[in-house]
Amino acid sequence: MRWSSVYPLYVQKAERKNRTKEEVDRIIRWLTGYSQEQLQRQIRLESDLETFFAEAPSFNPNASLIKGVVCGVRVEDVEDPLMRKVRYLDKLIDELAKGKALDKILRQ
């Protein structure tokens, strides 16, 4: 699956709940270590999810604090490292869409 096809879905989900693209980007940058320019480059290159996460400059060490259920699966129980990273991001975007404060989403 291409990052360029997933990213707009995250933005749409957030915007439907009166959150912003900037908040989505901030969450993604926090989790992956990408700069805004690097994030946009990954979209332009149409990287797949595996490449997107593999090339992440510095995956946030606090990602392990992300807990909960996404699509009926506990994110902390996902064994495949790539799928766990995808689920971490899914969970953060879910929290944003549910109105949680950004500082709490970013585990600060």
PDB file of N, CA and C in Angstrom:
ATOM      1  N   MET A   1       0.843  -1.172   0.000  1.00  0.00           N
ATOM      2  CA  MET A   1       0.000   0.000   0.000  1.00  0.00           C
ATOM      3  C   MET A   1       0.895   1.244   0.000  1.00  0.00           C
ATOM      4  N   ARG A   2       0.524   2.229  -0.765  1.00  0.00           N
ATOM      5  CA  ARG A   2       1.315   3.448  -0.897  1.00  0.00           C
ATOM      6  C   ARG A   2       0.977   4.465   0.198  1.00  0.00           C
ATOM      7  N   TRP A   3       2.029   5.105   0.722  1.00  0.00           N
ATOM      8  CA  TRP A   3       1.850   6.153   1.721  1.00  0.00           C
ATOM      9  C   TRP A   3       0.991   7.270   1.152  1.00  0.00           C
ATOM     10  N   SER A   4       1.164   7.578  -0.134  1.00  0.00           N
ATOM     11  CA  SER A   4       0.408   8.669  -0.765  1.00  0.00           C
ATOM     12  C   SER A   4      -1.089   8.378  -0.841  1.00  0.00           C
ATOM     13  N   SER A   5      -1.492   7.128  -0.699  1.00  0.00           N
ATOM     14  CA  SER A   5      -2.926   6.815  -0.688  1.00  0.00           C
ATOM     15  C   SER A   5      -3.473   6.751   0.745  1.00  0.00           C
ATOM     16  N   VAL A   6      -2.621   6.451   1.722  1.00  0.00           N
ATOM     17  CA  VAL A   6      -3.050   6.355   3.119  1.00  0.00           C
ATOM     18  C   VAL A   6      -3.117   7.741   3.774  1.00  0.00           C
ATOM     19  N   TYR A   7      -2.118   8.560   3.501  1.00  0.00           N
ATOM     20  CA  TYR A   7      -2.018   9.877   4.131  1.00  0.00           C
ATOM     21  C   TYR A   7      -3.288  10.716   3.977  1.00  0.00           C
ATOM     22  N   PRO A   8      -3.849  10.848   2.757  1.00  0.00           N
ATOM     23  CA  PRO A   8      -5.076  11.657   2.639  1.00  0.00           C
ATOM     24  C   PRO A   8      -6.244  11.109   3.455  1.00  0.00           C
ATOM     25  N   LEU A   9      -6.271   9.809   3.683  1.00  0.00           N
ATOM     26  CA  LEU A   9      -7.337   9.217   4.495  1.00  0.00           C
ATOM     27  C   LEU A   9      -7.208   9.643   5.950  1.00  0.00           C
ATOM     28  N   TYR A  10      -5.975   9.726   6.437  1.00  0.00           N
ATOM     29  CA  TYR A  10      -5.751  10.231   7.801  1.00  0.00           C
ATOM     30  C   TYR A  10      -6.223  11.679   7.912  1.00  0.00           C
ATOM     31  N   VAL A  11      -5.866  12.485   6.918  1.00  0.00           N
ATOM     32  CA  VAL A  11      -6.249  13.901   6.931  1.00  0.00           C
ATOM     33  C   VAL A  11      -7.772  14.034   6.873  1.00  0.00           C
ATOM     34  N   GLN A  12      -8.409  13.281   5.998  1.00  0.00           N
ATOM     35  CA  GLN A  12      -9.875  13.340   5.877  1.00  0.00           C
ATOM     36  C   GLN A  12     -10.549  12.943   7.185  1.00  0.00           C
ATOM     37  N   LYS A  13     -10.055  11.895   7.819  1.00  0.00           N
ATOM     38  CA  LYS A  13     -10.644  11.439   9.080  1.00  0.00           C
ATOM     39  C   LYS A  13     -10.560  12.547  10.124  1.00  0.00           C
ATOM     40  N   ALA A  14      -9.403  13.196  10.212  1.00  0.00           N
ATOM     41  CA  ALA A  14      -9.219  14.279  11.179  1.00  0.00           C
ATOM     42  C   ALA A  14     -10.115  15.468  10.854  1.00  0.00           C
ATOM     43  N   GLU A  15     -10.152  15.861   9.594  1.00  0.00           N
ATOM     44  CA  GLU A  15     -10.930  17.041   9.197  1.00  0.00           C
ATOM     45  C   GLU A  15     -12.423  16.832   9.396  1.00  0.00           C
ATOM     46  N   ARG A  16     -12.902  15.597   9.238  1.00  0.00           N
ATOM     47  CA  ARG A  16     -14.322  15.312   9.485  1.00  0.00           C
ATOM     48  C   ARG A  16     -14.695  15.582  10.942  1.00  0.00           C
ATOM     49  N   LYS A  17     -13.699  15.516  11.817  1.00  0.00           N
ATOM     50  CA  LYS A  17     -13.919  15.736  13.247  1.00  0.00           C
ATOM     51  C   LYS A  17     -13.390  17.102  13.694  1.00  0.00           C
ATOM     52  N   ASN A  18     -13.315  18.027  12.739  1.00  0.00           N
ATOM     53  CA  ASN A  18     -12.876  19.407  13.009  1.00  0.00           C
ATOM     54  C   ASN A  18     -11.457  19.513  13.551  1.00  0.00           C
ATOM     55  N   ARG A  19     -10.605  18.600  13.135  1.00  0.00           N
ATOM     56  CA  ARG A  19      -9.180  18.702  13.438  1.00  0.00           C
ATOM     57  C   ARG A  19      -8.485  19.099  12.128  1.00  0.00           C
ATOM     58  N   THR A  20      -7.191  19.361  12.172  1.00  0.00           N
ATOM     59  CA  THR A  20      -6.525  19.920  10.996  1.00  0.00           C
ATOM     60  C   THR A  20      -5.453  19.001  10.416  1.00  0.00           C
ATOM     61  N   LYS A  21      -5.131  19.278   9.160  1.00  0.00           N
ATOM     62  CA  LYS A  21      -4.025  18.598   8.478  1.00  0.00           C
ATOM     63  C   LYS A  21      -2.728  18.857   9.234  1.00  0.00           C
ATOM     64  N   GLU A  22      -2.565  20.064   9.754  1.00  0.00           N
ATOM     65  CA  GLU A  22      -1.348  20.409  10.495  1.00  0.00           C
ATOM     66  C   GLU A  22      -1.190  19.528  11.733  1.00  0.00           C
ATOM     67  N   GLU A  23      -2.304  19.219  12.395  1.00  0.00           N
ATOM     68  CA  GLU A  23      -2.244  18.335  13.562  1.00  0.00           C
ATOM     69  C   GLU A  23      -1.860  16.918  13.140  1.00  0.00           C
ATOM     70  N   VAL A  24      -2.419  16.455  12.030  1.00  0.00           N
ATOM     71  CA  VAL A  24      -2.065  15.136  11.504  1.00  0.00           C
ATOM     72  C   VAL A  24      -0.570  15.103  11.203  1.00  0.00           C
ATOM     73  N   ASP A  25      -0.083  16.136  10.513  1.00  0.00           N
ATOM     74  CA  ASP A  25       1.342  16.194  10.171  1.00  0.00           C
ATOM     75  C   ASP A  25       2.215  16.214  11.417  1.00  0.00           C
ATOM     76  N   ARG A  26       1.794  16.954  12.417  1.00  0.00           N
ATOM     77  CA  ARG A  26       2.580  17.025  13.660  1.00  0.00           C
ATOM     78  C   ARG A  26       2.677  15.654  14.313  1.00  0.00           C
ATOM     79  N   ILE A  27       1.588  14.917  14.328  1.00  0.00           N
ATOM     80  CA  ILE A  27       1.580  13.562  14.886  1.00  0.00           C
ATOM     81  C   ILE A  27       2.530  12.661  14.097  1.00  0.00           C
ATOM     82  N   ILE A  28       2.447  12.723  12.786  1.00  0.00           N
ATOM     83  CA  ILE A  28       3.307  11.875  11.947  1.00  0.00           C
ATOM     84  C   ILE A  28       4.775  12.238  12.151  1.00  0.00           C
ATOM     85  N   ARG A  29       5.058  13.536  12.217  1.00  0.00           N
ATOM     86  CA  ARG A  29       6.451  13.972  12.433  1.00  0.00           C
ATOM     87  C   ARG A  29       6.951  13.510  13.803  1.00  0.00           C
ATOM     88  N   TRP A  30       6.091  13.606  14.836  1.00  0.00           N
ATOM     89  CA  TRP A  30       6.468  13.162  16.173  1.00  0.00           C
ATOM     90  C   TRP A  30       6.802  11.668  16.169  1.00  0.00           C
ATOM     91  N   LEU A  31       5.964  10.876  15.512  1.00  0.00           N
ATOM     92  CA  LEU A  31       6.147   9.428  15.520  1.00  0.00           C
ATOM     93  C   LEU A  31       7.360   8.986  14.708  1.00  0.00           C
ATOM     94  N   THR A  32       7.585   9.613  13.563  1.00  0.00           N
ATOM     95  CA  THR A  32       8.587   9.127  12.614  1.00  0.00           C
ATOM     96  C   THR A  32       9.895   9.905  12.582  1.00  0.00           C
ATOM     97  N   GLY A  33       9.872  11.138  13.045  1.00  0.00           N
ATOM     98  CA  GLY A  33      11.071  11.966  12.972  1.00  0.00           C
ATOM     99  C   GLY A  33      11.244  12.676  11.642  1.00  0.00           C
ATOM    100  N   TYR A  34      10.299  12.495  10.719  1.00  0.00           N
ATOM    101  CA  TYR A  34      10.368  13.210   9.442  1.00  0.00           C
ATOM    102  C   TYR A  34      10.178  14.709   9.670  1.00  0.00           C
ATOM    103  N   SER A  35      10.856  15.519   8.862  1.00  0.00           N
ATOM    104  CA  SER A  35      10.551  16.947   8.808  1.00  0.00           C
ATOM    105  C   SER A  35       9.337  17.098   7.887  1.00  0.00           C
ATOM    106  N   GLN A  36       8.756  18.287   7.859  1.00  0.00           N
ATOM    107  CA  GLN A  36       7.603  18.502   6.974  1.00  0.00           C
ATOM    108  C   GLN A  36       8.017  18.286   5.523  1.00  0.00           C
ATOM    109  N   GLU A  37       9.192  18.762   5.156  1.00  0.00           N
ATOM    110  CA  GLU A  37       9.684  18.593   3.783  1.00  0.00           C
ATOM    111  C   GLU A  37       9.895  17.117   3.451  1.00  0.00           C
ATOM    112  N   GLN A  38      10.479  16.361   4.375  1.00  0.00           N
ATOM    113  CA  GLN A  38      10.696  14.933   4.152  1.00  0.00           C
ATOM    114  C   GLN A  38       9.368  14.183   4.042  1.00  0.00           C
ATOM    115  N   LEU A  39       8.398  14.582   4.833  1.00  0.00           N
ATOM    116  CA  LEU A  39       7.076  13.970   4.791  1.00  0.00           C
ATOM    117  C   LEU A  39       6.446  14.182   3.419  1.00  0.00           C
ATOM    118  N   GLN A  40       6.508  15.406   2.926  1.00  0.00           N
ATOM    119  CA  GLN A  40       5.949  15.709   1.606  1.00  0.00           C
ATOM    120  C   GLN A  40       6.707  14.967   0.502  1.00  0.00           C
ATOM    121  N   ARG A  41       8.000  14.795   0.688  1.00  0.00           N
ATOM    122  CA  ARG A  41       8.807  14.061  -0.293  1.00  0.00           C
ATOM    123  C   ARG A  41       8.349  12.606  -0.375  1.00  0.00           C
ATOM    124  N   GLN A  42       8.066  11.988   0.767  1.00  0.00           N
ATOM    125  CA  GLN A  42       7.592  10.605   0.777  1.00  0.00           C
ATOM    126  C   GLN A  42       6.265  10.475   0.019  1.00  0.00           C
ATOM    127  N   ILE A  43       5.433  11.499   0.113  1.00  0.00           N
ATOM    128  CA  ILE A  43       4.166  11.493  -0.619  1.00  0.00           C
ATOM    129  C   ILE A  43       4.443  11.593  -2.121  1.00  0.00           C
ATOM    130  N   ARG A  44       5.302  12.526  -2.485  1.00  0.00           N
ATOM    131  CA  ARG A  44       5.632  12.719  -3.911  1.00  0.00           C
ATOM    132  C   ARG A  44       6.258  11.468  -4.524  1.00  0.00           C
ATOM    133  N   LEU A  45       7.105  10.794  -3.760  1.00  0.00           N
ATOM    134  CA  LEU A  45       7.785   9.596  -4.260  1.00  0.00           C
ATOM    135  C   LEU A  45       6.858   8.383  -4.325  1.00  0.00           C
ATOM    136  N   GLU A  46       5.678   8.512  -3.734  1.00  0.00           N
ATOM    137  CA  GLU A  46       4.712   7.414  -3.667  1.00  0.00           C
ATOM    138  C   GLU A  46       5.318   6.172  -3.035  1.00  0.00           C
ATOM    139  N   SER A  47       6.038   6.399  -1.940  1.00  0.00           N
ATOM    140  CA  SER A  47       6.646   5.297  -1.193  1.00  0.00           C
ATOM    141  C   SER A  47       5.567   4.367  -0.660  1.00  0.00           C
ATOM    142  N   ASP A  48       5.911   3.087  -0.564  1.00  0.00           N
ATOM    143  CA  ASP A  48       4.975   2.180   0.089  1.00  0.00           C
ATOM    144  C   ASP A  48       5.152   2.315   1.604  1.00  0.00           C
ATOM    145  N   LEU A  49       4.245   1.739   2.359  1.00  0.00           N
ATOM    146  CA  LEU A  49       4.294   1.877   3.820  1.00  0.00           C
ATOM    147  C   LEU A  49       5.578   1.307   4.406  1.00  0.00           C
ATOM    148  N   GLU A  50       6.050   0.210   3.860  1.00  0.00           N
ATOM    149  CA  GLU A  50       7.283  -0.388   4.371  1.00  0.00           C
ATOM    150  C   GLU A  50       8.452   0.578   4.205  1.00  0.00           C
ATOM    151  N   THR A  51       8.570   1.192   3.044  1.00  0.00           N
ATOM    152  CA  THR A  51       9.636   2.157   2.794  1.00  0.00           C
ATOM    153  C   THR A  51       9.455   3.390   3.669  1.00  0.00           C
ATOM    154  N   PHE A  52       8.218   3.876   3.769  1.00  0.00           N
ATOM    155  CA  PHE A  52       7.937   5.059   4.578  1.00  0.00           C
ATOM    156  C   PHE A  52       8.442   4.873   6.011  1.00  0.00           C
ATOM    157  N   PHE A  53       8.118   3.758   6.623  1.00  0.00           N
ATOM    158  CA  PHE A  53       8.540   3.526   8.003  1.00  0.00           C
ATOM    159  C   PHE A  53      10.020   3.139   8.092  1.00  0.00           C
ATOM    160  N   ALA A  54      10.533   2.408   7.114  1.00  0.00           N
ATOM    161  CA  ALA A  54      11.953   2.024   7.129  1.00  0.00           C
ATOM    162  C   ALA A  54      12.863   3.239   7.008  1.00  0.00           C
ATOM    163  N   GLU A  55      12.427   4.248   6.255  1.00  0.00           N
ATOM    164  CA  GLU A  55      13.241   5.441   6.048  1.00  0.00           C
ATOM    165  C   GLU A  55      12.971   6.537   7.075  1.00  0.00           C
ATOM    166  N   ALA A  56      12.107   6.266   8.029  1.00  0.00           N
ATOM    167  CA  ALA A  56      11.818   7.251   9.070  1.00  0.00           C
ATOM    168  C   ALA A  56      13.119   7.603   9.784  1.00  0.00           C
ATOM    169  N   PRO A  57      13.431   8.899   9.861  1.00  0.00           N
ATOM    170  CA  PRO A  57      14.703   9.316  10.448  1.00  0.00           C
ATOM    171  C   PRO A  57      14.920   8.864  11.888  1.00  0.00           C
ATOM    172  N   SER A  58      13.887   8.923  12.711  1.00  0.00           N
ATOM    173  CA  SER A  58      14.041   8.503  14.112  1.00  0.00           C
ATOM    174  C   SER A  58      12.675   8.174  14.684  1.00  0.00           C
ATOM    175  N   PHE A  59      12.333   6.904  14.643  1.00  0.00           N
ATOM    176  CA  PHE A  59      11.042   6.482  15.177  1.00  0.00           C
ATOM    177  C   PHE A  59      11.033   6.795  16.668  1.00  0.00           C
ATOM    178  N   ASN A  60       9.993   7.451  17.124  1.00  0.00           N
ATOM    179  CA  ASN A  60       9.937   7.966  18.485  1.00  0.00           C
ATOM    180  C   ASN A  60       9.999   6.835  19.513  1.00  0.00           C
ATOM    181  N   PRO A  61      10.950   6.915  20.462  1.00  0.00           N
ATOM    182  CA  PRO A  61      11.051   5.866  21.481  1.00  0.00           C
ATOM    183  C   PRO A  61       9.823   5.792  22.388  1.00  0.00           C
ATOM    184  N   ASN A  62       9.050   6.872  22.465  1.00  0.00           N
ATOM    185  CA  ASN A  62       7.834   6.860  23.282  1.00  0.00           C
ATOM    186  C   ASN A  62       6.662   6.171  22.583  1.00  0.00           C
ATOM    187  N   ALA A  63       6.885   5.679  21.376  1.00  0.00           N
ATOM    188  CA  ALA A  63       5.812   4.970  20.666  1.00  0.00           C
ATOM    189  C   ALA A  63       5.343   3.761  21.471  1.00  0.00           C
ATOM    190  N   SER A  64       6.237   3.190  22.252  1.00  0.00           N
ATOM    191  CA  SER A  64       5.850   2.024  23.053  1.00  0.00           C
ATOM    192  C   SER A  64       4.807   2.381  24.121  1.00  0.00           C
ATOM    193  N   LEU A  65       4.610   3.674  24.375  1.00  0.00           N
ATOM    194  CA  LEU A  65       3.579   4.111  25.322  1.00  0.00           C
ATOM    195  C   LEU A  65       2.184   4.108  24.699  1.00  0.00           C
ATOM    196  N   ILE A  66       2.119   3.929  23.383  1.00  0.00           N
ATOM    197  CA  ILE A  66       0.834   3.920  22.680  1.00  0.00           C
ATOM    198  C   ILE A  66       0.178   2.566  22.924  1.00  0.00           C
ATOM    199  N   LYS A  67      -0.969   2.603  23.549  1.00  0.00           N
ATOM    200  CA  LYS A  67      -1.686   1.375  23.879  1.00  0.00           C
ATOM    201  C   LYS A  67      -3.148   1.547  23.484  1.00  0.00           C
ATOM    202  N   GLY A  68      -3.820   0.442  23.297  1.00  0.00           N
ATOM    203  CA  GLY A  68      -5.239   0.500  22.984  1.00  0.00           C
ATOM    204  C   GLY A  68      -5.599  -0.402  21.831  1.00  0.00           C
ATOM    205  N   VAL A  69      -6.830  -0.255  21.390  1.00  0.00           N
ATOM    206  CA  VAL A  69      -7.381  -1.140  20.369  1.00  0.00           C
ATOM    207  C   VAL A  69      -7.678  -0.351  19.095  1.00  0.00           C
ATOM    208  N   VAL A  70      -7.257  -0.920  17.966  1.00  0.00           N
ATOM    209  CA  VAL A  70      -7.584  -0.381  16.642  1.00  0.00           C
ATOM    210  C   VAL A  70      -8.124  -1.543  15.827  1.00  0.00           C
ATOM    211  N   CYS A  71      -9.314  -1.385  15.321  1.00  0.00           N
ATOM    212  CA  CYS A  71      -9.960  -2.449  14.527  1.00  0.00           C
ATOM    213  C   CYS A  71      -9.989  -3.780  15.280  1.00  0.00           C
ATOM    214  N   GLY A  72     -10.249  -3.707  16.585  1.00  0.00           N
ATOM    215  CA  GLY A  72     -10.382  -4.913  17.384  1.00  0.00           C
ATOM    216  C   GLY A  72      -9.078  -5.573  17.777  1.00  0.00           C
ATOM    217  N   VAL A  73      -7.949  -4.936  17.477  1.00  0.00           N
ATOM    218  CA  VAL A  73      -6.645  -5.522  17.782  1.00  0.00           C
ATOM    219  C   VAL A  73      -5.884  -4.578  18.705  1.00  0.00           C
ATOM    220  N   ARG A  74      -5.333  -5.112  19.794  1.00  0.00           N
ATOM    221  CA  ARG A  74      -4.520  -4.295  20.702  1.00  0.00           C
ATOM    222  C   ARG A  74      -3.199  -3.981  20.018  1.00  0.00           C
ATOM    223  N   VAL A  75      -2.886  -2.699  19.876  1.00  0.00           N
ATOM    224  CA  VAL A  75      -1.680  -2.298  19.143  1.00  0.00           C
ATOM    225  C   VAL A  75      -0.419  -2.851  19.796  1.00  0.00           C
ATOM    226  N   GLU A  76      -0.393  -2.928  21.116  1.00  0.00           N
ATOM    227  CA  GLU A  76       0.804  -3.417  21.788  1.00  0.00           C
ATOM    228  C   GLU A  76       1.015  -4.919  21.601  1.00  0.00           C
ATOM    229  N   ASP A  77      -0.004  -5.637  21.107  1.00  0.00           N
ATOM    230  CA  ASP A  77       0.108  -7.081  20.885  1.00  0.00           C
ATOM    231  C   ASP A  77       0.454  -7.456  19.447  1.00  0.00           C
ATOM    232  N   VAL A  78       0.531  -6.477  18.552  1.00  0.00           N
ATOM    233  CA  VAL A  78       0.853  -6.757  17.153  1.00  0.00           C
ATOM    234  C   VAL A  78       2.318  -7.161  17.079  1.00  0.00           C
ATOM    235  N   GLU A  79       2.587  -8.340  16.538  1.00  0.00           N
ATOM    236  CA  GLU A  79       3.942  -8.874  16.526  1.00  0.00           C
ATOM    237  C   GLU A  79       4.785  -8.354  15.367  1.00  0.00           C
ATOM    238  N   ASP A  80       4.197  -8.221  14.195  1.00  0.00           N
ATOM    239  CA  ASP A  80       4.957  -7.755  13.034  1.00  0.00           C
ATOM    240  C   ASP A  80       5.364  -6.295  13.246  1.00  0.00           C
ATOM    241  N   PRO A  81       6.662  -5.987  13.209  1.00  0.00           N
ATOM    242  CA  PRO A  81       7.123  -4.621  13.486  1.00  0.00           C
ATOM    243  C   PRO A  81       6.515  -3.552  12.570  1.00  0.00           C
ATOM    244  N   LEU A  82       6.382  -3.845  11.284  1.00  0.00           N
ATOM    245  CA  LEU A  82       5.790  -2.880  10.359  1.00  0.00           C
ATOM    246  C   LEU A  82       4.325  -2.645  10.695  1.00  0.00           C
ATOM    247  N   MET A  83       3.580  -3.705  10.918  1.00  0.00           N
ATOM    248  CA  MET A  83       2.157  -3.548  11.234  1.00  0.00           C
ATOM    249  C   MET A  83       1.969  -2.838  12.570  1.00  0.00           C
ATOM    250  N   ARG A  84       2.871  -3.068  13.522  1.00  0.00           N
ATOM    251  CA  ARG A  84       2.775  -2.379  14.806  1.00  0.00           C
ATOM    252  C   ARG A  84       2.940  -0.872  14.594  1.00  0.00           C
ATOM    253  N   LYS A  85       3.890  -0.474  13.745  1.00  0.00           N
ATOM    254  CA  LYS A  85       4.092   0.949  13.466  1.00  0.00           C
ATOM    255  C   LYS A  85       2.875   1.551  12.784  1.00  0.00           C
ATOM    256  N   VAL A  86       2.294   0.813  11.845  1.00  0.00           N
ATOM    257  CA  VAL A  86       1.082   1.280  11.167  1.00  0.00           C
ATOM    258  C   VAL A  86      -0.042   1.441  12.186  1.00  0.00           C
ATOM    259  N   ARG A  87      -0.201   0.484  13.065  1.00  0.00           N
ATOM    260  CA  ARG A  87      -1.261   0.537  14.081  1.00  0.00           C
ATOM    261  C   ARG A  87      -1.021   1.660  15.082  1.00  0.00           C
ATOM    262  N   TYR A  88       0.251   1.913  15.415  1.00  0.00           N
ATOM    263  CA  TYR A  88       0.550   3.059  16.280  1.00  0.00           C
ATOM    264  C   TYR A  88       0.007   4.336  15.646  1.00  0.00           C
ATOM    265  N   LEU A  89       0.302   4.521  14.378  1.00  0.00           N
ATOM    266  CA  LEU A  89      -0.164   5.730  13.697  1.00  0.00           C
ATOM    267  C   LEU A  89      -1.684   5.752  13.607  1.00  0.00           C
ATOM    268  N   ASP A  90      -2.285   4.617  13.289  1.00  0.00           N
ATOM    269  CA  ASP A  90      -3.754   4.535  13.266  1.00  0.00           C
ATOM    270  C   ASP A  90      -4.338   4.965  14.612  1.00  0.00           C
ATOM    271  N   LYS A  91      -3.752   4.481  15.688  1.00  0.00           N
ATOM    272  CA  LYS A  91      -4.256   4.786  17.038  1.00  0.00           C
ATOM    273  C   LYS A  91      -4.126   6.275  17.341  1.00  0.00           C
ATOM    274  N   LEU A  92      -3.000   6.878  16.970  1.00  0.00           N
ATOM    275  CA  LEU A  92      -2.808   8.306  17.218  1.00  0.00           C
ATOM    276  C   LEU A  92      -3.823   9.141  16.440  1.00  0.00           C
ATOM    277  N   ILE A  93      -4.078   8.774  15.196  1.00  0.00           N
ATOM    278  CA  ILE A  93      -5.058   9.515  14.384  1.00  0.00           C
ATOM    279  C   ILE A  93      -6.460   9.304  14.947  1.00  0.00           C
ATOM    280  N   ASP A  94      -6.761   8.097  15.434  1.00  0.00           N
ATOM    281  CA  ASP A  94      -8.053   7.851  16.093  1.00  0.00           C
ATOM    282  C   ASP A  94      -8.225   8.758  17.301  1.00  0.00           C
ATOM    283  N   GLU A  95      -7.178   8.870  18.097  1.00  0.00           N
ATOM    284  CA  GLU A  95      -7.247   9.724  19.284  1.00  0.00           C
ATOM    285  C   GLU A  95      -7.474  11.180  18.894  1.00  0.00           C
ATOM    286  N   LEU A  96      -6.822  11.628  17.832  1.00  0.00           N
ATOM    287  CA  LEU A  96      -7.020  12.994  17.334  1.00  0.00           C
ATOM    288  C   LEU A  96      -8.475  13.198  16.925  1.00  0.00           C
ATOM    289  N   ALA A  97      -8.999  12.252  16.158  1.00  0.00           N
ATOM    290  CA  ALA A  97     -10.376  12.356  15.669  1.00  0.00           C
ATOM    291  C   ALA A  97     -11.395  12.303  16.814  1.00  0.00           C
ATOM    292  N   LYS A  98     -11.033  11.685  17.912  1.00  0.00           N
ATOM    293  CA  LYS A  98     -11.934  11.597  19.063  1.00  0.00           C
ATOM    294  C   LYS A  98     -11.840  12.822  19.965  1.00  0.00           C
ATOM    295  N   GLY A  99     -11.015  13.792  19.583  1.00  0.00           N
ATOM    296  CA  GLY A  99     -10.956  15.042  20.317  1.00  0.00           C
ATOM    297  C   GLY A  99      -9.929  15.115  21.425  1.00  0.00           C
ATOM    298  N   LYS A 100      -9.071  14.135  21.515  1.00  0.00           N
ATOM    299  CA  LYS A 100      -8.046  14.141  22.566  1.00  0.00           C
ATOM    300  C   LYS A 100      -7.071  15.293  22.329  1.00  0.00           C
ATOM    301  N   ALA A 101      -6.570  15.882  23.381  1.00  0.00           N
ATOM    302  CA  ALA A 101      -5.607  16.985  23.287  1.00  0.00           C
ATOM    303  C   ALA A 101      -4.296  16.498  22.673  1.00  0.00           C
ATOM    304  N   LEU A 102      -3.709  17.331  21.837  1.00  0.00           N
ATOM    305  CA  LEU A 102      -2.498  16.957  21.127  1.00  0.00           C
ATOM    306  C   LEU A 102      -1.352  16.594  22.082  1.00  0.00           C
ATOM    307  N   ASP A 103      -1.215  17.303  23.180  1.00  0.00           N
ATOM    308  CA  ASP A 103      -0.150  16.982  24.141  1.00  0.00           C
ATOM    309  C   ASP A 103      -0.305  15.569  24.701  1.00  0.00           C
ATOM    310  N   LYS A 104      -1.536  15.145  24.910  1.00  0.00           N
ATOM    311  CA  LYS A 104      -1.775  13.795  25.418  1.00  0.00           C
ATOM    312  C   LYS A 104      -1.527  12.749  24.324  1.00  0.00           C
ATOM    313  N   ILE A 105      -1.911  13.078  23.093  1.00  0.00           N
ATOM    314  CA  ILE A 105      -1.677  12.168  21.971  1.00  0.00           C
ATOM    315  C   ILE A 105      -0.188  11.939  21.798  1.00  0.00           C
ATOM    316  N   LEU A 106       0.602  13.006  21.950  1.00  0.00           N
ATOM    317  CA  LEU A 106       2.048  12.927  21.758  1.00  0.00           C
ATOM    318  C   LEU A 106       2.782  12.432  23.005  1.00  0.00           C
ATOM    319  N   ARG A 107       2.026  11.935  23.975  1.00  0.00           N
ATOM    320  CA  ARG A 107       2.577  11.334  25.187  1.00  0.00           C
ATOM    321  C   ARG A 107       3.565  12.273  25.872  1.00  0.00           C
ATOM    322  N   GLN A 108       3.155  13.541  26.019  1.00  0.00           N
ATOM    323  CA  GLN A 108       4.022  14.529  26.671  1.00  0.00           C
ATOM    324  C   GLN A 108       3.560  14.822  28.069  1.00  0.00           C
TER     325      GLN A 108
END
